[in-house]
Every structure is written in structure tokens, then in C-alpha cells.
C-alpha atoms as a PDB file:
ATOM      1  CA  MET A   1     113.921  97.907 103.264  1.00  0.00           C
ATOM      2  CA  GLY A   2     116.640  99.232 105.450  1.00  0.00           C
ATOM      3  CA  GLY A   3     115.751  97.546 108.737  1.00  0.00           C
ATOM      4  CA  ARG A   4     111.994  98.095 108.618  1.00  0.00           C
ATOM      5  CA  GLU A   5     109.756  95.301 109.790  1.00  0.00           C
ATOM      6  CA  ALA A   6     107.665  93.472 107.186  1.00  0.00           C
ATOM      7  CA  CYS A   7     105.053  96.163 106.521  1.00  0.00           C
ATOM      8  CA  TRP A   8     104.806  95.709 102.753  1.00  0.00           C
ATOM      9  CA  ALA A   9     104.623  93.191  99.945  1.00  0.00           C
ATOM     10  CA  GLY A  10     104.894  93.567  96.196  1.00  0.00           C
ATOM     11  CA  ASN A  11     105.686  91.538  93.133  1.00  0.00           C
ATOM     12  CA  ALA A  12     106.073  91.643  89.378  1.00  0.00           C
ATOM     13  CA  ILE A  13     105.498  89.156  86.567  1.00  0.00           C
ATOM     14  CA  SER A  14     107.479  89.564  83.367  1.00  0.00           C
ATOM     15  CA  ASP A  15     108.424  87.860  80.132  1.00  0.00           C
ATOM     16  CA  GLY A  16     111.984  88.988  80.919  1.00  0.00           C
ATOM     17  CA  TYR A  17     112.333  91.194  77.849  1.00  0.00           C
ATOM     18  CA  LEU A  18     109.440  93.507  76.959  1.00  0.00           C
ATOM     19  CA  VAL A  19     106.531  93.460  79.397  1.00  0.00           C
ATOM     20  CA  VAL A  20     106.197  93.612  83.166  1.00  0.00           C
ATOM     21  CA  TYR A  21     102.957  93.412  85.140  1.00  0.00           C
ATOM     22  CA  TYR A  22     102.669  94.515  88.761  1.00  0.00           C
ATOM     23  CA  PRO A  23      99.809  92.480  90.269  1.00  0.00           C
ATOM     24  CA  HIS A  24     100.286  93.324  93.956  1.00  0.00           C
ATOM     25  CA  LEU A  25     101.550  96.184  96.065  1.00  0.00           C
ATOM     26  CA  LEU A  26     100.423  96.064  99.669  1.00  0.00           C
ATOM     27  CA  VAL A  27     101.435  98.355 102.517  1.00  0.00           C
ATOM     28  CA  LEU A  28      99.943  98.090 105.996  1.00  0.00           C
ATOM     29  CA  PRO A  29      97.669 101.099 106.653  1.00  0.00           C
ATOM     30  CA  GLU A  30      99.795 102.362 109.542  1.00  0.00           C
ATOM     31  CA  TYR A  31     102.794 102.616 107.156  1.00  0.00           C
ATOM     32  CA  GLN A  32     100.978 104.266 104.252  1.00  0.00           C
ATOM     33  CA  GLY A  33     102.008 107.833 103.516  1.00  0.00           C
ATOM     34  CA  ARG A  34     105.584 107.230 104.715  1.00  0.00           C
ATOM     35  CA  GLY A  35     107.150 106.506 101.320  1.00  0.00           C
ATOM     36  CA  VAL A  36     107.214 102.719 101.738  1.00  0.00           C
ATOM     37  CA  GLY A  37     105.043 102.011  98.679  1.00  0.00           C
ATOM     38  CA  THR A  38     106.857 104.628  96.601  1.00  0.00           C
ATOM     39  CA  GLU A  39     110.215 103.063  97.429  1.00  0.00           C
ATOM     40  CA  LEU A  40     108.943  99.571  96.684  1.00  0.00           C
ATOM     41  CA  MET A  41     107.609 100.675  93.276  1.00  0.00           C
ATOM     42  CA  ARG A  42     110.867 102.526  92.571  1.00  0.00           C
ATOM     43  CA  ARG A  43     112.836  99.336  93.220  1.00  0.00           C
ATOM     44  CA  LEU A  44     110.504  97.135  91.196  1.00  0.00           C
ATOM     45  CA  MET A  45     110.450  99.559  88.278  1.00  0.00           C
ATOM     46  CA  ALA A  46     114.251  99.929  88.378  1.00  0.00           C
ATOM     47  CA  ARG A  47     114.558  96.162  87.983  1.00  0.00           C
ATOM     48  CA  TYR A  48     112.556  96.394  84.733  1.00  0.00           C
ATOM     49  CA  HIS A  49     113.941  99.729  83.495  1.00  0.00           C
ATOM     50  CA  GLY A  50     113.887  99.938  79.716  1.00  0.00           C
ATOM     51  CA  PHE A  51     111.069  97.438  79.251  1.00  0.00           C
ATOM     52  CA  HIS A  52     108.570  98.419  76.559  1.00  0.00           C
ATOM     53  CA  GLN A  53     105.474  98.058  78.724  1.00  0.00           C
ATOM     54  CA  HIS A  54     104.858  98.368  82.463  1.00  0.00           C
ATOM     55  CA  MET A  55     101.265  97.589  83.382  1.00  0.00           C
ATOM     56  CA  LEU A  56      98.949  97.149  86.344  1.00  0.00           C
ATOM     57  CA  VAL A  57      95.318  97.182  87.350  1.00  0.00           C
ATOM     58  CA  ALA A  58      94.750  99.840  90.010  1.00  0.00           C
ATOM     59  CA  ASP A  59      91.878 100.071  92.434  1.00  0.00           C
ATOM     60  CA  GLY A  60      90.244 103.510  92.258  1.00  0.00           C
ATOM     61  CA  ARG A  61      91.569 104.375  95.705  1.00  0.00           C
ATOM     62  CA  ALA A  62      95.148 103.835  94.466  1.00  0.00           C
ATOM     63  CA  LEU A  63      94.971 105.776  91.193  1.00  0.00           C
ATOM     64  CA  GLU A  64      96.666 108.915  92.500  1.00  0.00           C
ATOM     65  CA  PHE A  65      99.511 106.871  94.005  1.00  0.00           C
ATOM     66  CA  TYR A  66     100.216 105.104  90.702  1.00  0.00           C
ATOM     67  CA  ARG A  67      99.948 108.356  88.753  1.00  0.00           C
ATOM     68  CA  LYS A  68     102.684 109.750  91.016  1.00  0.00           C
ATOM     69  CA  CYS A  69     104.759 106.689  90.055  1.00  0.00           C
ATOM     70  CA  GLY A  70     104.388 107.615  86.372  1.00  0.00           C
ATOM     71  CA  PHE A  71     101.495 105.365  85.305  1.00  0.00           C
ATOM     72  CA  GLU A  72      98.685 106.667  83.116  1.00  0.00           C
ATOM     73  CA  ARG A  73      95.707 105.234  81.297  1.00  0.00           C
ATOM     74  CA  ALA A  74      96.797 103.521  78.084  1.00  0.00           C
ATOM     75  CA  GLY A  75      95.099 105.636  75.429  1.00  0.00           C
ATOM     76  CA  LYS A  76      91.563 104.470  74.767  1.00  0.00           C
ATOM     77  CA  THR A  77      92.113 100.947  76.077  1.00  0.00           C
ATOM     78  CA  GLU A  78      89.337  99.383  78.116  1.00  0.00           C
ATOM     79  CA  PRO A  79      90.346  97.165  81.041  1.00  0.00           C
ATOM     80  CA  MET A  80      88.606  93.773  81.000  1.00  0.00           C
ATOM     81  CA  TRP A  81      88.844  90.618  83.087  1.00  0.00           C
ATOM     82  CA  ILE A  82      87.156  87.456  84.248  1.00  0.00           C
ATOM     83  CA  TYR A  83      86.981  87.755  88.004  1.00  0.00           C
ATOM     84  CA  ALA A  84      85.388  85.371  90.491  1.00  0.00           C
ATOM     85  CA  GLY A  85      85.381  87.840  93.393  1.00  0.00           C
ATOM     86  CA  HIS A  86      82.693  90.281  94.472  1.00  0.00           C
ATOM     87  CA  ASP A  87      84.753  93.174  95.849  1.00  0.00           C
ATOM     88  CA  HIS A  88      85.120  95.248  92.645  1.00  0.00           C
END
């Protein structure tokens, strides 16, 4: 991102036509609040502009960030998963 060192990582998974899922967006703590994550999401979302559905699972600490990016809860949907970890 314009000469910055590797302080971020992000990716998207898509069917190439209708749906895109953003499973990871990571920014080192010392770079948070500087617009790095916002710019990364802007670039990822621009790549999939016009897709019917953009989706992600956000940790509670990241909700406000994703709301600022335009995400909102999908109606009355209930998130569900099978997860082997213990950190959520």
C-alpha cells in the first residue's frame, strides 16, 4: 500500500459472480487507527463492486469498524458455525 511495510493482511473468497466473503482482515495494533484497514477494505470491496452479497463474520471488537465500511446485520439472520477453537 504505497510503500508501507507489511503491517496488514486481508483476503476474500468469492464465487466470481454473486457472493464474496471476507474471512480475514488483520492490521498490526501499532498501525490501527491510521486508515490502513479502511483502505484495505475499500480495495477489496472495489474488486467485488456490484456483487449481490458481501459477507463476513466480525468479532465484537470490530463491529464499529465494519459498520463504517457499510456492513450491517442481515435482517433477522442468526450467525451459526462449527468451530474447533475456544477463543469466541
